[in-house]
Amino acid sequence: MRDSDEYLGTIERALEDVRGTGPRFGLCLYNAGMDPFEGCDIGGLAGITKDTLAARERLVFDWCRGHRWPIAFVLAGGYLADRLD
């Protein structure tokens, strides 16, 4: 990824792919990982800020709301680092 616009655009295209080609489903299970965050000690992508991740969450939840699909989410776990808050 080069920047947050590319990251968010990729997610938006993936959501539309699910809608257009995926099977019908009754629940979206969303694993909201934090490892793309640029400040993550164990990974991260340059330009992916906390604001980018907040925009990602709004994108996914708004998309589900717009399609009238219920959503459940979990935060990915297992992170051990000094700078994670």
Protein backbone atom coordinates (compact mmCIF):
# COMPACT_ATOMS: atom_id res chain seq x y z
CA MET A 1 0.00 0.00 0.00
CA ARG A 2 1.18 3.46 -0.79
CA ASP A 3 -1.26 5.51 1.24
CA SER A 4 -4.52 5.54 3.12
CA ASP A 5 -6.58 6.31 0.00
CA GLU A 6 -5.29 3.16 -1.67
CA TYR A 7 -5.91 1.13 1.50
CA LEU A 8 -9.49 2.35 1.87
CA GLY A 9 -10.15 1.97 -1.85
CA THR A 10 -9.01 -1.64 -1.70
CA ILE A 11 -11.42 -2.33 1.15
CA GLU A 12 -14.27 -0.63 -0.67
CA ARG A 13 -13.66 -2.71 -3.82
CA ALA A 14 -13.51 -5.90 -1.75
CA LEU A 15 -16.86 -5.09 -0.15
CA GLU A 16 -18.44 -4.56 -3.54
CA ASP A 17 -16.92 -7.85 -4.76
CA VAL A 18 -18.61 -9.64 -1.86
CA ARG A 19 -21.91 -8.03 -2.74
CA GLY A 20 -21.59 -8.76 -6.45
CA THR A 21 -20.16 -12.27 -6.50
CA GLY A 22 -20.40 -13.69 -3.02
CA PRO A 23 -23.09 -15.95 -1.67
CA ARG A 24 -26.02 -14.49 0.20
CA PHE A 25 -25.41 -14.37 3.89
CA GLY A 26 -27.25 -13.19 6.93
CA LEU A 27 -24.41 -11.78 9.05
CA CYS A 28 -21.13 -10.02 8.41
CA LEU A 29 -18.35 -11.05 10.80
CA TYR A 30 -15.72 -8.32 10.77
CA ASN A 31 -12.24 -8.92 12.17
CA ALA A 32 -11.02 -5.39 12.82
CA GLY A 33 -7.24 -5.86 12.91
CA MET A 34 -4.98 -3.05 14.01
CA ASP A 35 -1.74 -4.32 12.47
CA PRO A 36 -2.00 -2.05 9.38
CA PHE A 37 -1.52 0.98 11.70
CA GLU A 38 1.72 2.76 10.78
CA GLY A 39 2.78 2.93 14.42
CA CYS A 40 2.45 -0.82 15.04
CA ASP A 41 5.72 -2.36 16.23
CA ILE A 42 4.94 -5.71 14.61
CA GLY A 43 3.88 -4.54 11.18
CA GLY A 44 2.13 -1.53 9.83
CA LEU A 45 1.87 0.34 6.59
CA ALA A 46 3.19 3.85 6.06
CA GLY A 47 0.32 6.35 5.94
CA ILE A 48 -2.22 4.17 7.76
CA THR A 49 -3.07 6.40 10.71
CA LYS A 50 -5.63 6.10 13.48
CA ASP A 51 -7.87 8.32 11.35
CA THR A 52 -7.49 5.87 8.45
CA LEU A 53 -8.53 2.98 10.67
CA ALA A 54 -11.51 4.98 11.96
CA ALA A 55 -12.51 5.67 8.34
CA ARG A 56 -12.16 1.94 7.62
CA GLU A 57 -14.55 1.10 10.46
CA ARG A 58 -17.09 3.67 9.22
CA LEU A 59 -16.78 2.30 5.68
CA VAL A 60 -17.47 -1.28 6.74
CA PHE A 61 -20.29 -0.45 9.16
CA ASP A 62 -21.95 2.01 6.76
CA TRP A 63 -21.70 -0.53 3.95
CA CYS A 64 -23.40 -3.19 6.06
CA ARG A 65 -26.06 -0.73 7.21
CA GLY A 66 -26.70 0.30 3.62
CA HIS A 67 -27.23 -3.34 2.62
CA ARG A 68 -29.29 -4.05 5.74
CA TRP A 69 -26.90 -6.78 6.89
CA PRO A 70 -26.24 -7.24 10.59
CA ILE A 71 -22.61 -7.03 11.62
CA ALA A 72 -20.59 -8.38 14.52
CA PHE A 73 -16.96 -7.46 15.03
CA VAL A 74 -13.96 -8.51 17.03
CA LEU A 75 -10.62 -6.85 17.49
CA ALA A 76 -7.77 -9.08 16.45
CA GLY A 77 -5.64 -10.02 19.43
CA GLY A 78 -2.18 -11.18 20.33
CA TYR A 79 -0.43 -7.84 20.08
CA LEU A 80 2.46 -7.32 22.42
CA ALA A 81 4.39 -4.10 21.98
CA ASP A 82 5.47 -1.12 24.01
CA ARG A 83 3.77 1.51 21.84
CA LEU A 84 0.29 0.00 21.51
CA ASP A 85 -2.36 1.86 23.47
